[in-house]
Amino acid sequence: MTVELQVAEGWLTVCELSALIPGRGVAALLPDGSQAAVFVDRAGRPYAIGNRDPFTGAQVLSRGLVGSAAGRLFVASPLLKQRFDLESGHCLDDEEVAVRTYPVRTAATSG
């Protein structure tokens, strides 16, 4: 199974689902030059948000700590620790801030 993100050009294969480790993220360079942070939960469901921390401008969210609050899976920025909901992209610590989310799916590996 591969993990694919929907970008302007269509579905982009990022990696094998088995390469993702629950609680850890990976960064993916997208065709437009931006980056996505890709995560998987313990049930094997993938998530993708923008990798850019809106508070610092650094491309670091893929290196953040994954946790949950009130049943919402989030990643905490490794720099200033703001938490971003992995489904909605909303910052749990500042309701006026959000990061981009990407539609994500798994697909059977061909071959």
N, C-alpha and C. Protein backbone atom coordinates (compact mmCIF):
# COMPACT_ATOMS: atom_id res chain seq x y z
N MET A 1 0.84 -1.18 0.00
CA MET A 1 0.00 0.00 0.00
C MET A 1 0.89 1.24 0.00
N THR A 2 0.51 2.20 -0.83
CA THR A 2 1.22 3.47 -0.86
C THR A 2 0.34 4.56 -0.27
N VAL A 3 0.98 5.61 0.20
CA VAL A 3 0.28 6.80 0.69
C VAL A 3 0.36 7.85 -0.40
N GLU A 4 -0.81 8.40 -0.75
CA GLU A 4 -0.88 9.40 -1.81
C GLU A 4 -1.57 10.65 -1.28
N LEU A 5 -1.06 11.82 -1.71
CA LEU A 5 -1.65 13.11 -1.37
C LEU A 5 -2.26 13.71 -2.61
N GLN A 6 -3.39 14.38 -2.43
CA GLN A 6 -3.98 15.07 -3.57
C GLN A 6 -3.40 16.47 -3.64
N VAL A 7 -2.77 16.77 -4.78
CA VAL A 7 -2.20 18.08 -5.06
C VAL A 7 -2.83 18.58 -6.35
N ALA A 8 -2.49 19.78 -6.77
CA ALA A 8 -3.12 20.38 -7.95
C ALA A 8 -3.00 19.49 -9.19
N GLU A 9 -1.89 18.75 -9.31
CA GLU A 9 -1.65 17.91 -10.48
C GLU A 9 -2.35 16.55 -10.40
N GLY A 10 -2.97 16.25 -9.27
CA GLY A 10 -3.62 14.95 -9.07
C GLY A 10 -3.08 14.26 -7.83
N TRP A 11 -3.11 12.94 -7.83
CA TRP A 11 -2.64 12.16 -6.68
C TRP A 11 -1.14 11.92 -6.79
N LEU A 12 -0.41 12.27 -5.75
CA LEU A 12 1.04 12.15 -5.71
C LEU A 12 1.41 11.05 -4.72
N THR A 13 2.14 10.04 -5.17
CA THR A 13 2.61 8.99 -4.28
C THR A 13 3.75 9.53 -3.43
N VAL A 14 3.62 9.37 -2.11
CA VAL A 14 4.63 9.88 -1.17
C VAL A 14 5.56 8.77 -0.72
N CYS A 15 5.00 7.66 -0.25
CA CYS A 15 5.82 6.57 0.27
C CYS A 15 4.95 5.34 0.48
N GLU A 16 5.58 4.26 0.87
CA GLU A 16 4.85 3.06 1.26
C GLU A 16 4.26 3.30 2.64
N LEU A 17 3.03 2.85 2.86
CA LEU A 17 2.39 2.98 4.17
C LEU A 17 3.25 2.33 5.25
N SER A 18 3.88 1.22 4.93
CA SER A 18 4.72 0.50 5.90
C SER A 18 5.96 1.30 6.32
N ALA A 19 6.32 2.34 5.56
CA ALA A 19 7.48 3.16 5.90
C ALA A 19 7.16 4.18 7.00
N LEU A 20 5.87 4.40 7.25
CA LEU A 20 5.46 5.37 8.27
C LEU A 20 5.34 4.68 9.62
N ILE A 21 5.79 5.36 10.66
CA ILE A 21 5.75 4.84 12.02
C ILE A 21 4.79 5.70 12.83
N PRO A 22 3.80 5.09 13.49
CA PRO A 22 2.88 5.89 14.32
C PRO A 22 3.68 6.74 15.31
N GLY A 23 3.29 8.00 15.42
CA GLY A 23 3.96 8.91 16.33
C GLY A 23 5.11 9.68 15.73
N ARG A 24 5.48 9.35 14.48
CA ARG A 24 6.57 10.05 13.80
C ARG A 24 6.10 10.51 12.44
N GLY A 25 6.58 11.65 12.02
CA GLY A 25 6.20 12.17 10.72
C GLY A 25 7.34 12.11 9.72
N VAL A 26 6.98 12.28 8.45
CA VAL A 26 7.97 12.42 7.39
C VAL A 26 7.59 13.65 6.56
N ALA A 27 8.58 14.31 6.02
CA ALA A 27 8.35 15.45 5.16
C ALA A 27 8.36 15.00 3.71
N ALA A 28 7.47 15.58 2.92
CA ALA A 28 7.41 15.28 1.49
C ALA A 28 7.49 16.58 0.71
N LEU A 29 8.38 16.64 -0.28
CA LEU A 29 8.48 17.79 -1.16
C LEU A 29 7.42 17.64 -2.24
N LEU A 30 6.61 18.67 -2.41
CA LEU A 30 5.51 18.63 -3.37
C LEU A 30 5.91 19.30 -4.68
N PRO A 31 5.20 19.01 -5.78
CA PRO A 31 5.57 19.57 -7.09
C PRO A 31 5.66 21.09 -7.13
N ASP A 32 4.87 21.79 -6.30
CA ASP A 32 4.90 23.25 -6.32
C ASP A 32 6.02 23.83 -5.45
N GLY A 33 6.85 22.97 -4.85
CA GLY A 33 7.96 23.42 -4.03
C GLY A 33 7.62 23.52 -2.54
N SER A 34 6.36 23.37 -2.19
CA SER A 34 5.99 23.39 -0.78
C SER A 34 6.24 22.01 -0.18
N GLN A 35 6.03 21.89 1.12
CA GLN A 35 6.26 20.62 1.80
C GLN A 35 5.01 20.20 2.57
N ALA A 36 4.82 18.90 2.70
CA ALA A 36 3.76 18.35 3.52
C ALA A 36 4.41 17.50 4.61
N ALA A 37 3.75 17.46 5.76
CA ALA A 37 4.14 16.57 6.86
C ALA A 37 3.14 15.43 6.86
N VAL A 38 3.63 14.21 6.76
CA VAL A 38 2.75 13.04 6.64
C VAL A 38 2.91 12.17 7.88
N PHE A 39 1.77 11.74 8.42
CA PHE A 39 1.73 10.95 9.65
C PHE A 39 0.79 9.78 9.45
N VAL A 40 0.91 8.78 10.33
CA VAL A 40 -0.04 7.67 10.35
C VAL A 40 -0.38 7.41 11.81
N ASP A 41 -1.65 7.11 12.07
CA ASP A 41 -2.03 6.79 13.45
C ASP A 41 -1.84 5.29 13.71
N ARG A 42 -2.11 4.86 14.91
CA ARG A 42 -1.89 3.45 15.28
C ARG A 42 -2.81 2.50 14.52
N ALA A 43 -3.92 3.01 14.00
CA ALA A 43 -4.84 2.18 13.22
C ALA A 43 -4.43 2.10 11.75
N GLY A 44 -3.37 2.83 11.36
CA GLY A 44 -2.90 2.81 9.99
C GLY A 44 -3.51 3.87 9.09
N ARG A 45 -4.23 4.82 9.67
CA ARG A 45 -4.84 5.89 8.87
C ARG A 45 -3.83 7.02 8.68
N PRO A 46 -3.57 7.42 7.43
CA PRO A 46 -2.61 8.49 7.17
C PRO A 46 -3.26 9.88 7.24
N TYR A 47 -2.43 10.86 7.56
CA TYR A 47 -2.83 12.27 7.62
C TYR A 47 -1.73 13.08 6.95
N ALA A 48 -2.09 14.24 6.40
CA ALA A 48 -1.08 15.12 5.81
C ALA A 48 -1.48 16.58 6.04
N ILE A 49 -0.53 17.34 6.55
CA ILE A 49 -0.71 18.77 6.76
C ILE A 49 0.51 19.48 6.18
N GLY A 50 0.41 20.80 6.06
CA GLY A 50 1.57 21.57 5.63
C GLY A 50 2.70 21.41 6.63
N ASN A 51 3.93 21.36 6.17
CA ASN A 51 5.08 21.17 7.05
C ASN A 51 5.57 22.47 7.67
N ARG A 52 5.10 23.61 7.17
CA ARG A 52 5.57 24.92 7.64
C ARG A 52 4.86 25.32 8.92
N ASP A 53 5.65 25.57 9.97
CA ASP A 53 5.11 26.08 11.23
C ASP A 53 4.74 27.55 11.02
N PRO A 54 3.45 27.90 11.12
CA PRO A 54 3.06 29.28 10.84
C PRO A 54 3.57 30.29 11.88
N PHE A 55 4.01 29.83 13.03
CA PHE A 55 4.51 30.75 14.06
C PHE A 55 5.97 31.12 13.85
N THR A 56 6.75 30.24 13.21
CA THR A 56 8.17 30.51 13.01
C THR A 56 8.58 30.56 11.54
N GLY A 57 7.78 29.98 10.66
CA GLY A 57 8.12 29.91 9.25
C GLY A 57 9.02 28.73 8.90
N ALA A 58 9.45 27.97 9.90
CA ALA A 58 10.34 26.83 9.66
C ALA A 58 9.56 25.61 9.19
N GLN A 59 10.18 24.83 8.32
CA GLN A 59 9.58 23.59 7.79
C GLN A 59 9.89 22.45 8.77
N VAL A 60 9.13 22.37 9.87
CA VAL A 60 9.50 21.44 10.94
C VAL A 60 8.35 20.60 11.49
N LEU A 61 7.13 20.78 11.05
CA LEU A 61 6.02 20.06 11.69
C LEU A 61 6.16 18.55 11.57
N SER A 62 6.82 18.07 10.53
CA SER A 62 7.01 16.62 10.38
C SER A 62 7.87 16.05 11.51
N ARG A 63 8.61 16.90 12.21
CA ARG A 63 9.47 16.45 13.30
C ARG A 63 8.83 16.69 14.67
N GLY A 64 7.55 17.06 14.67
CA GLY A 64 6.86 17.34 15.92
C GLY A 64 6.43 16.10 16.67
N LEU A 65 5.94 16.32 17.87
CA LEU A 65 5.46 15.24 18.73
C LEU A 65 3.98 15.02 18.48
N VAL A 66 3.58 13.78 18.27
CA VAL A 66 2.19 13.43 18.01
C VAL A 66 1.53 13.04 19.33
N GLY A 67 0.32 13.53 19.52
CA GLY A 67 -0.44 13.20 20.72
C GLY A 67 -1.92 13.34 20.43
N SER A 68 -2.73 13.28 21.49
CA SER A 68 -4.17 13.48 21.32
C SER A 68 -4.70 14.28 22.49
N ALA A 69 -5.71 15.07 22.21
CA ALA A 69 -6.39 15.88 23.23
C ALA A 69 -7.87 15.87 22.90
N ALA A 70 -8.68 15.49 23.86
CA ALA A 70 -10.13 15.43 23.67
C ALA A 70 -10.49 14.61 22.43
N GLY A 71 -9.77 13.53 22.21
CA GLY A 71 -10.04 12.64 21.08
C GLY A 71 -9.56 13.15 19.74
N ARG A 72 -8.81 14.23 19.71
CA ARG A 72 -8.29 14.81 18.47
C ARG A 72 -6.80 14.54 18.38
N LEU A 73 -6.38 13.93 17.28
CA LEU A 73 -4.97 13.66 17.04
C LEU A 73 -4.30 14.96 16.60
N PHE A 74 -3.15 15.28 17.19
CA PHE A 74 -2.45 16.51 16.84
C PHE A 74 -0.95 16.26 16.75
N VAL A 75 -0.26 17.23 16.13
CA VAL A 75 1.19 17.27 16.18
C VAL A 75 1.57 18.59 16.83
N ALA A 76 2.51 18.53 17.77
CA ALA A 76 3.01 19.73 18.43
C ALA A 76 4.30 20.15 17.75
N SER A 77 4.38 21.41 17.37
CA SER A 77 5.58 21.91 16.72
C SER A 77 6.79 21.67 17.62
N PRO A 78 7.91 21.22 17.05
CA PRO A 78 9.10 21.00 17.88
C PRO A 78 9.75 22.31 18.35
N LEU A 79 9.31 23.43 17.81
CA LEU A 79 9.93 24.70 18.19
C LEU A 79 9.20 25.38 19.35
N LEU A 80 7.96 25.80 19.12
CA LEU A 80 7.23 26.55 20.15
C LEU A 80 6.10 25.74 20.78
N LYS A 81 5.92 24.51 20.33
CA LYS A 81 4.98 23.54 20.91
C LYS A 81 3.50 23.80 20.64
N GLN A 82 3.14 24.69 19.72
CA GLN A 82 1.73 24.83 19.37
C GLN A 82 1.27 23.53 18.75
N ARG A 83 0.03 23.14 19.03
CA ARG A 83 -0.52 21.87 18.57
C ARG A 83 -1.47 22.09 17.40
N PHE A 84 -1.32 21.26 16.36
CA PHE A 84 -2.14 21.36 15.15
C PHE A 84 -2.91 20.06 14.95
N ASP A 85 -4.23 20.19 14.83
CA ASP A 85 -5.11 19.05 14.61
C ASP A 85 -4.76 18.42 13.26
N LEU A 86 -4.51 17.12 13.23
CA LEU A 86 -4.10 16.46 11.99
C LEU A 86 -5.24 16.29 10.99
N GLU A 87 -6.49 16.39 11.43
CA GLU A 87 -7.61 16.30 10.48
C GLU A 87 -7.97 17.65 9.89
N SER A 88 -8.06 18.67 10.74
CA SER A 88 -8.54 19.98 10.28
C SER A 88 -7.42 20.98 9.99
N GLY A 89 -6.25 20.77 10.60
CA GLY A 89 -5.15 21.72 10.47
C GLY A 89 -5.23 22.88 11.45
N HIS A 90 -6.33 22.98 12.20
CA HIS A 90 -6.50 24.10 13.13
C HIS A 90 -5.53 23.99 14.31
N CYS A 91 -5.04 25.13 14.74
CA CYS A 91 -4.17 25.19 15.89
C CYS A 91 -5.04 25.07 17.14
N LEU A 92 -4.73 24.13 18.02
CA LEU A 92 -5.51 23.94 19.24
C LEU A 92 -5.19 25.00 20.29
N ASP A 93 -4.12 25.76 20.07
CA ASP A 93 -3.69 26.76 21.04
C ASP A 93 -3.97 28.19 20.60
N ASP A 94 -4.37 28.38 19.36
CA ASP A 94 -4.69 29.72 18.84
C ASP A 94 -5.71 29.53 17.71
N GLU A 95 -6.98 29.75 18.00
CA GLU A 95 -8.04 29.43 17.04
C GLU A 95 -7.99 30.25 15.76
N GLU A 96 -7.16 31.28 15.70
CA GLU A 96 -7.06 32.09 14.49
C GLU A 96 -6.00 31.56 13.52
N VAL A 97 -5.30 30.50 13.90
CA VAL A 97 -4.20 29.98 13.08
C VAL A 97 -4.51 28.55 12.65
N ALA A 98 -4.13 28.22 11.42
CA ALA A 98 -4.30 26.87 10.90
C ALA A 98 -3.21 26.60 9.88
N VAL A 99 -2.96 25.32 9.64
CA VAL A 99 -2.06 24.91 8.56
C VAL A 99 -2.90 24.19 7.52
N ARG A 100 -2.38 24.12 6.33
CA ARG A 100 -3.09 23.44 5.24
C ARG A 100 -3.18 21.94 5.53
N THR A 101 -4.29 21.37 5.13
CA THR A 101 -4.43 19.91 5.17
C THR A 101 -4.51 19.41 3.73
N TYR A 102 -4.14 18.16 3.53
CA TYR A 102 -4.19 17.56 2.20
C TYR A 102 -5.08 16.32 2.25
N PRO A 103 -5.93 16.14 1.24
CA PRO A 103 -6.62 14.87 1.13
C PRO A 103 -5.56 13.77 0.96
N VAL A 104 -5.74 12.69 1.66
CA VAL A 104 -4.76 11.61 1.63
C VAL A 104 -5.50 10.28 1.51
N ARG A 105 -4.88 9.35 0.79
CA ARG A 105 -5.48 8.04 0.63
C ARG A 105 -4.38 7.00 0.56
N THR A 106 -4.77 5.76 0.74
CA THR A 106 -3.84 4.66 0.51
C THR A 106 -4.29 3.96 -0.78
N ALA A 107 -3.34 3.46 -1.50
CA ALA A 107 -3.63 2.76 -2.77
C ALA A 107 -2.80 1.50 -2.83
N ALA A 108 -3.35 0.51 -3.48
CA ALA A 108 -2.63 -0.75 -3.66
C ALA A 108 -1.40 -0.52 -4.51
N THR A 109 -0.30 -1.14 -4.12
CA THR A 109 0.93 -1.04 -4.88
C THR A 109 0.79 -1.90 -6.14
N SER A 110 1.10 -1.30 -7.29
CA SER A 110 1.03 -2.08 -8.52
C SER A 110 2.27 -2.92 -8.68
N GLY A 111 2.12 -3.99 -9.38
CA GLY A 111 3.30 -4.80 -9.65
C GLY A 111 3.07 -6.17 -9.21
